[in-house]
Amino acid sequence: MPGFAGVWFHRLMVCMTEKEIGRRAPAATPEALFRRLAELGIETETRRHQPLFTVDQSRALRGAIPGGHCKCLFLTAKLRALWLVVALEDREIDLKALARHLGAGRFSFAKAELLMDALGVAPGAVTPFALINDAGRRVKVVLDKEMMALDLLNYHPLTNEATTTIATKDLLRFMAATGHDPEIVDFAFPDEVA
């Protein structure tokens, strides 16, 4: 049996190799997501459409899809902490105040490569459904309190070529099944002193 130094070196090499090579399980497909939701007994409705990259494009195309329409921000903070912030599409988010509220340091938008590595989706398809790909639970989740007061919510199902409607309570069930415990935040930050 190797000594302490040998075990430490082996663990360091395994961690370095996985991080440097970027080896991770293949990202789930929308079909795999829908299968997982069905396994959990979660009903959703999905509408296919042309690829959407912005909230404005989404507004123009969605028609009368019921429920709250949302935006998702994938952010990094000190010590490479990863954050997924999910809010109503019209919500103004003061990232400095949010970071201060969460004790996260300074937020910045994550690079596309990090998004793909952590959540398995490309820019334009950021979604809480991508937590299915975060088996290591690297990503901390923040949800808009006002958004969570709605009955139905809409997100891309791992692709920006569709929109999936899910009951808010079922979104929380899905997140729990992925091992994520989101923080629900009032973005007005009533406890913050200006």
C-alpha atoms as a PDB file:
ATOM      1  CA  MET A   1       0.000   0.000   0.000  1.00  0.00           C
ATOM      2  CA  PRO A   2       1.456   3.387  -0.921  1.00  0.00           C
ATOM      3  CA  GLY A   3       2.364   5.831   1.816  1.00  0.00           C
ATOM      4  CA  PHE A   4       0.574   9.125   2.441  1.00  0.00           C
ATOM      5  CA  ALA A   5       2.707  10.956  -0.136  1.00  0.00           C
ATOM      6  CA  GLY A   6       1.918   8.323  -2.769  1.00  0.00           C
ATOM      7  CA  VAL A   7      -1.836   8.493  -2.130  1.00  0.00           C
ATOM      8  CA  TRP A   8      -1.721  12.311  -2.167  1.00  0.00           C
ATOM      9  CA  PHE A   9       0.247  12.351  -5.442  1.00  0.00           C
ATOM     10  CA  HIS A  10      -2.134   9.819  -7.043  1.00  0.00           C
ATOM     11  CA  ARG A  11      -5.199  11.870  -6.038  1.00  0.00           C
ATOM     12  CA  LEU A  12      -3.556  15.077  -7.267  1.00  0.00           C
ATOM     13  CA  MET A  13      -2.741  13.477 -10.631  1.00  0.00           C
ATOM     14  CA  VAL A  14      -6.294  12.137 -11.021  1.00  0.00           C
ATOM     15  CA  CYS A  15      -7.780  15.571 -10.230  1.00  0.00           C
ATOM     16  CA  MET A  16      -5.328  17.395 -12.479  1.00  0.00           C
ATOM     17  CA  THR A  17      -5.882  14.972 -15.333  1.00  0.00           C
ATOM     18  CA  GLU A  18      -9.661  15.272 -15.168  1.00  0.00           C
ATOM     19  CA  LYS A  19      -9.542  19.065 -14.965  1.00  0.00           C
ATOM     20  CA  GLU A  20      -6.860  19.615 -17.565  1.00  0.00           C
ATOM     21  CA  ILE A  21      -8.241  17.179 -20.087  1.00  0.00           C
ATOM     22  CA  GLY A  22     -11.769  18.388 -19.413  1.00  0.00           C
ATOM     23  CA  ARG A  23     -13.017  14.820 -19.231  1.00  0.00           C
ATOM     24  CA  ARG A  24     -16.658  14.765 -18.222  1.00  0.00           C
ATOM     25  CA  ALA A  25     -19.674  12.655 -18.923  1.00  0.00           C
ATOM     26  CA  PRO A  26     -21.334  13.535 -22.222  1.00  0.00           C
ATOM     27  CA  ALA A  27     -23.946  16.248 -21.842  1.00  0.00           C
ATOM     28  CA  ALA A  28     -27.559  15.145 -21.693  1.00  0.00           C
ATOM     29  CA  THR A  29     -29.663  15.639 -24.801  1.00  0.00           C
ATOM     30  CA  PRO A  30     -33.127  17.225 -24.689  1.00  0.00           C
ATOM     31  CA  GLU A  31     -34.538  13.712 -25.114  1.00  0.00           C
ATOM     32  CA  ALA A  32     -32.579  12.478 -22.076  1.00  0.00           C
ATOM     33  CA  LEU A  33     -33.858  15.482 -20.119  1.00  0.00           C
ATOM     34  CA  PHE A  34     -37.463  14.681 -21.050  1.00  0.00           C
ATOM     35  CA  ARG A  35     -36.941  11.030 -20.043  1.00  0.00           C
ATOM     36  CA  ARG A  36     -35.567  12.131 -16.660  1.00  0.00           C
ATOM     37  CA  LEU A  37     -38.483  14.504 -16.105  1.00  0.00           C
ATOM     38  CA  ALA A  38     -40.908  11.678 -16.950  1.00  0.00           C
ATOM     39  CA  GLU A  39     -39.087   9.337 -14.513  1.00  0.00           C
ATOM     40  CA  LEU A  40     -39.673  11.968 -11.827  1.00  0.00           C
ATOM     41  CA  GLY A  41     -43.363  12.183 -12.747  1.00  0.00           C
ATOM     42  CA  ILE A  42     -42.962  15.771 -13.952  1.00  0.00           C
ATOM     43  CA  GLU A  43     -45.213  16.886 -16.784  1.00  0.00           C
ATOM     44  CA  THR A  44     -44.006  19.564 -19.187  1.00  0.00           C
ATOM     45  CA  GLU A  45     -45.053  21.015 -22.507  1.00  0.00           C
ATOM     46  CA  THR A  46     -42.459  21.820 -25.152  1.00  0.00           C
ATOM     47  CA  ARG A  47     -42.800  23.978 -28.239  1.00  0.00           C
ATOM     48  CA  ARG A  48     -40.176  23.850 -30.982  1.00  0.00           C
ATOM     49  CA  HIS A  49     -39.098  27.052 -32.772  1.00  0.00           C
ATOM     50  CA  GLN A  50     -36.199  28.664 -34.602  1.00  0.00           C
ATOM     51  CA  PRO A  51     -33.063  29.196 -32.484  1.00  0.00           C
ATOM     52  CA  LEU A  52     -33.368  32.095 -30.039  1.00  0.00           C
ATOM     53  CA  PHE A  53     -30.381  33.904 -28.576  1.00  0.00           C
ATOM     54  CA  THR A  54     -31.868  36.914 -26.775  1.00  0.00           C
ATOM     55  CA  VAL A  55     -34.861  37.794 -24.626  1.00  0.00           C
ATOM     56  CA  ASP A  56     -36.068  40.136 -27.390  1.00  0.00           C
ATOM     57  CA  GLN A  57     -36.045  37.300 -29.948  1.00  0.00           C
ATOM     58  CA  SER A  58     -37.938  35.140 -27.483  1.00  0.00           C
ATOM     59  CA  ARG A  59     -40.617  37.788 -26.945  1.00  0.00           C
ATOM     60  CA  ALA A  60     -41.160  38.161 -30.682  1.00  0.00           C
ATOM     61  CA  LEU A  61     -41.582  34.437 -31.334  1.00  0.00           C
ATOM     62  CA  ARG A  62     -43.255  32.907 -28.326  1.00  0.00           C
ATOM     63  CA  GLY A  63     -46.820  34.036 -28.977  1.00  0.00           C
ATOM     64  CA  ALA A  64     -49.115  33.099 -26.138  1.00  0.00           C
ATOM     65  CA  ILE A  65     -47.040  30.544 -24.229  1.00  0.00           C
ATOM     66  CA  PRO A  66     -48.421  30.728 -20.673  1.00  0.00           C
ATOM     67  CA  GLY A  67     -46.298  31.326 -17.587  1.00  0.00           C
ATOM     68  CA  GLY A  68     -43.266  33.364 -16.667  1.00  0.00           C
ATOM     69  CA  HIS A  69     -40.570  33.758 -19.270  1.00  0.00           C
ATOM     70  CA  CYS A  70     -37.109  33.797 -17.825  1.00  0.00           C
ATOM     71  CA  LYS A  71     -33.475  34.613 -18.363  1.00  0.00           C
ATOM     72  CA  CYS A  72     -30.502  32.718 -17.025  1.00  0.00           C
ATOM     73  CA  LEU A  73     -27.073  34.159 -16.225  1.00  0.00           C
ATOM     74  CA  PHE A  74     -24.059  31.887 -15.819  1.00  0.00           C
ATOM     75  CA  LEU A  75     -21.513  33.684 -13.647  1.00  0.00           C
ATOM     76  CA  THR A  76     -18.188  33.146 -11.954  1.00  0.00           C
ATOM     77  CA  ALA A  77     -16.997  34.657  -8.708  1.00  0.00           C
ATOM     78  CA  LYS A  78     -13.969  34.439  -6.428  1.00  0.00           C
ATOM     79  CA  LEU A  79     -12.133  31.142  -6.251  1.00  0.00           C
ATOM     80  CA  ARG A  80     -13.773  30.042  -9.521  1.00  0.00           C
ATOM     81  CA  ALA A  81     -17.176  29.588  -7.866  1.00  0.00           C
ATOM     82  CA  LEU A  82     -19.903  29.050 -10.474  1.00  0.00           C
ATOM     83  CA  TRP A  83     -23.378  30.543 -10.203  1.00  0.00           C
ATOM     84  CA  LEU A  84     -26.561  30.115 -12.214  1.00  0.00           C
ATOM     85  CA  VAL A  85     -28.895  33.069 -11.661  1.00  0.00           C
ATOM     86  CA  VAL A  86     -32.438  32.565 -12.965  1.00  0.00           C
ATOM     87  CA  ALA A  87     -34.936  35.423 -13.047  1.00  0.00           C
ATOM     88  CA  LEU A  88     -37.934  36.772 -14.888  1.00  0.00           C
ATOM     89  CA  GLU A  89     -36.906  38.137 -18.283  1.00  0.00           C
ATOM     90  CA  ASP A  90     -37.691  41.754 -17.358  1.00  0.00           C
ATOM     91  CA  ARG A  91     -35.934  41.631 -13.994  1.00  0.00           C
ATOM     92  CA  GLU A  92     -33.104  44.109 -13.637  1.00  0.00           C
ATOM     93  CA  ILE A  93     -30.307  42.413 -11.748  1.00  0.00           C
ATOM     94  CA  ASP A  94     -27.696  44.467  -9.941  1.00  0.00           C
ATOM     95  CA  LEU A  95     -24.823  41.992 -10.024  1.00  0.00           C
ATOM     96  CA  LYS A  96     -22.774  43.969  -7.481  1.00  0.00           C
ATOM     97  CA  ALA A  97     -25.650  43.991  -4.990  1.00  0.00           C
ATOM     98  CA  LEU A  98     -26.431  40.329  -5.659  1.00  0.00           C
ATOM     99  CA  ALA A  99     -22.804  39.303  -5.131  1.00  0.00           C
ATOM    100  CA  ARG A 100     -22.680  41.316  -1.912  1.00  0.00           C
ATOM    101  CA  HIS A 101     -25.982  39.772  -0.750  1.00  0.00           C
ATOM    102  CA  LEU A 102     -24.670  36.247  -1.421  1.00  0.00           C
ATOM    103  CA  GLY A 103     -21.167  36.934  -0.081  1.00  0.00           C
ATOM    104  CA  ALA A 104     -19.817  35.821  -3.446  1.00  0.00           C
ATOM    105  CA  GLY A 105     -17.204  38.470  -4.180  1.00  0.00           C
ATOM    106  CA  ARG A 106     -17.370  40.079  -7.609  1.00  0.00           C
ATOM    107  CA  PHE A 107     -19.422  38.411 -10.351  1.00  0.00           C
ATOM    108  CA  SER A 108     -18.349  38.202 -13.955  1.00  0.00           C
ATOM    109  CA  PHE A 109     -19.917  36.409 -16.899  1.00  0.00           C
ATOM    110  CA  ALA A 110     -18.397  32.984 -17.479  1.00  0.00           C
ATOM    111  CA  LYS A 111     -16.754  32.087 -20.766  1.00  0.00           C
ATOM    112  CA  ALA A 112     -18.558  29.802 -23.205  1.00  0.00           C
ATOM    113  CA  GLU A 113     -16.005  27.021 -22.646  1.00  0.00           C
ATOM    114  CA  LEU A 114     -16.668  27.019 -18.901  1.00  0.00           C
ATOM    115  CA  LEU A 115     -20.431  27.014 -19.513  1.00  0.00           C
ATOM    116  CA  MET A 116     -20.081  23.970 -21.776  1.00  0.00           C
ATOM    117  CA  ASP A 117     -17.784  22.215 -19.301  1.00  0.00           C
ATOM    118  CA  ALA A 118     -19.972  22.859 -16.252  1.00  0.00           C
ATOM    119  CA  LEU A 119     -23.502  22.675 -17.656  1.00  0.00           C
ATOM    120  CA  GLY A 120     -23.111  21.093 -21.094  1.00  0.00           C
ATOM    121  CA  VAL A 121     -24.920  23.863 -22.977  1.00  0.00           C
ATOM    122  CA  ALA A 122     -23.903  26.640 -25.343  1.00  0.00           C
ATOM    123  CA  PRO A 123     -24.559  30.360 -24.880  1.00  0.00           C
ATOM    124  CA  GLY A 124     -28.174  31.104 -25.728  1.00  0.00           C
ATOM    125  CA  ALA A 125     -29.327  27.804 -24.223  1.00  0.00           C
ATOM    126  CA  VAL A 126     -28.499  28.494 -20.556  1.00  0.00           C
ATOM    127  CA  THR A 127     -31.253  26.954 -18.455  1.00  0.00           C
ATOM    128  CA  PRO A 128     -31.883  25.450 -15.032  1.00  0.00           C
ATOM    129  CA  PHE A 129     -32.548  22.181 -16.895  1.00  0.00           C
ATOM    130  CA  ALA A 130     -28.776  22.088 -17.561  1.00  0.00           C
ATOM    131  CA  LEU A 131     -28.289  21.181 -13.897  1.00  0.00           C
ATOM    132  CA  ILE A 132     -28.875  17.615 -15.123  1.00  0.00           C
ATOM    133  CA  ASN A 133     -25.282  17.869 -16.427  1.00  0.00           C
ATOM    134  CA  ASP A 134     -23.783  19.158 -13.157  1.00  0.00           C
ATOM    135  CA  ALA A 135     -23.289  15.826 -11.426  1.00  0.00           C
ATOM    136  CA  GLY A 136     -20.402  17.297  -9.413  1.00  0.00           C
ATOM    137  CA  ARG A 137     -22.683  20.038  -8.071  1.00  0.00           C
ATOM    138  CA  ARG A 138     -20.169  22.732  -8.973  1.00  0.00           C
ATOM    139  CA  VAL A 139     -22.878  25.296  -9.739  1.00  0.00           C
ATOM    140  CA  LYS A 140     -24.722  27.267  -7.061  1.00  0.00           C
ATOM    141  CA  VAL A 141     -28.253  28.277  -8.054  1.00  0.00           C
ATOM    142  CA  VAL A 142     -30.067  31.531  -7.324  1.00  0.00           C
ATOM    143  CA  LEU A 143     -33.758  31.906  -8.175  1.00  0.00           C
ATOM    144  CA  ASP A 144     -35.808  35.098  -8.380  1.00  0.00           C
ATOM    145  CA  LYS A 145     -38.390  35.141  -5.563  1.00  0.00           C
ATOM    146  CA  GLU A 146     -40.952  36.911  -7.779  1.00  0.00           C
ATOM    147  CA  MET A 147     -40.445  34.292 -10.503  1.00  0.00           C
ATOM    148  CA  MET A 148     -41.004  31.479  -8.003  1.00  0.00           C
ATOM    149  CA  ALA A 149     -44.383  32.964  -7.042  1.00  0.00           C
ATOM    150  CA  LEU A 150     -45.739  32.102 -10.516  1.00  0.00           C
ATOM    151  CA  ASP A 151     -47.426  28.767 -11.250  1.00  0.00           C
ATOM    152  CA  LEU A 152     -45.714  28.076 -14.609  1.00  0.00           C
ATOM    153  CA  LEU A 153     -42.228  28.897 -15.869  1.00  0.00           C
ATOM    154  CA  ASN A 154     -40.543  28.605 -19.275  1.00  0.00           C
ATOM    155  CA  TYR A 155     -36.971  27.615 -20.097  1.00  0.00           C
ATOM    156  CA  HIS A 156     -34.994  26.177 -22.990  1.00  0.00           C
ATOM    157  CA  PRO A 157     -34.680  22.362 -22.721  1.00  0.00           C
ATOM    158  CA  LEU A 158     -30.863  22.290 -23.251  1.00  0.00           C
ATOM    159  CA  THR A 159     -31.308  23.830 -26.705  1.00  0.00           C
ATOM    160  CA  ASN A 160     -32.430  27.273 -27.799  1.00  0.00           C
ATOM    161  CA  GLU A 161     -34.598  25.683 -30.501  1.00  0.00           C
ATOM    162  CA  ALA A 162     -37.454  24.950 -28.071  1.00  0.00           C
ATOM    163  CA  THR A 163     -39.187  26.281 -24.974  1.00  0.00           C
ATOM    164  CA  THR A 164     -40.429  24.009 -22.202  1.00  0.00           C
ATOM    165  CA  THR A 165     -43.159  24.993 -19.745  1.00  0.00           C
ATOM    166  CA  ILE A 166     -42.893  23.481 -16.264  1.00  0.00           C
ATOM    167  CA  ALA A 167     -44.819  23.985 -13.022  1.00  0.00           C
ATOM    168  CA  THR A 168     -42.745  25.959 -10.515  1.00  0.00           C
ATOM    169  CA  LYS A 169     -43.082  23.258  -7.848  1.00  0.00           C
ATOM    170  CA  ASP A 170     -41.839  20.699 -10.391  1.00  0.00           C
ATOM    171  CA  LEU A 171     -38.816  22.841 -11.238  1.00  0.00           C
ATOM    172  CA  LEU A 172     -37.847  22.645  -7.559  1.00  0.00           C
ATOM    173  CA  ARG A 173     -38.411  18.863  -7.578  1.00  0.00           C
ATOM    174  CA  PHE A 174     -36.170  18.551 -10.632  1.00  0.00           C
ATOM    175  CA  MET A 175     -33.440  20.643  -8.998  1.00  0.00           C
ATOM    176  CA  ALA A 176     -33.620  18.540  -5.837  1.00  0.00           C
ATOM    177  CA  ALA A 177     -33.267  15.392  -7.956  1.00  0.00           C
ATOM    178  CA  THR A 178     -30.043  16.834  -9.445  1.00  0.00           C
ATOM    179  CA  GLY A 179     -28.725  17.505  -5.937  1.00  0.00           C
ATOM    180  CA  HIS A 180     -29.075  21.288  -6.120  1.00  0.00           C
ATOM    181  CA  ASP A 181     -30.631  23.348  -3.340  1.00  0.00           C
ATOM    182  CA  PRO A 182     -31.340  26.763  -4.844  1.00  0.00           C
ATOM    183  CA  GLU A 183     -31.316  30.003  -2.910  1.00  0.00           C
ATOM    184  CA  ILE A 184     -34.467  32.016  -3.539  1.00  0.00           C
ATOM    185  CA  VAL A 185     -33.661  35.716  -3.472  1.00  0.00           C
ATOM    186  CA  ASP A 186     -35.709  38.901  -3.471  1.00  0.00           C
ATOM    187  CA  PHE A 187     -33.744  40.941  -6.024  1.00  0.00           C
ATOM    188  CA  ALA A 188     -34.983  44.156  -4.427  1.00  0.00           C
ATOM    189  CA  PHE A 189     -32.503  43.373  -1.603  1.00  0.00           C
ATOM    190  CA  PRO A 190     -34.609  44.948   1.145  1.00  0.00           C
ATOM    191  CA  ASP A 191     -31.999  43.965   3.734  1.00  0.00           C
ATOM    192  CA  GLU A 192     -29.199  45.799   1.919  1.00  0.00           C
ATOM    193  CA  VAL A 193     -28.123  49.283   2.950  1.00  0.00           C
ATOM    194  CA  ALA A 194     -27.448  51.560  -0.014  1.00  0.00           C
END
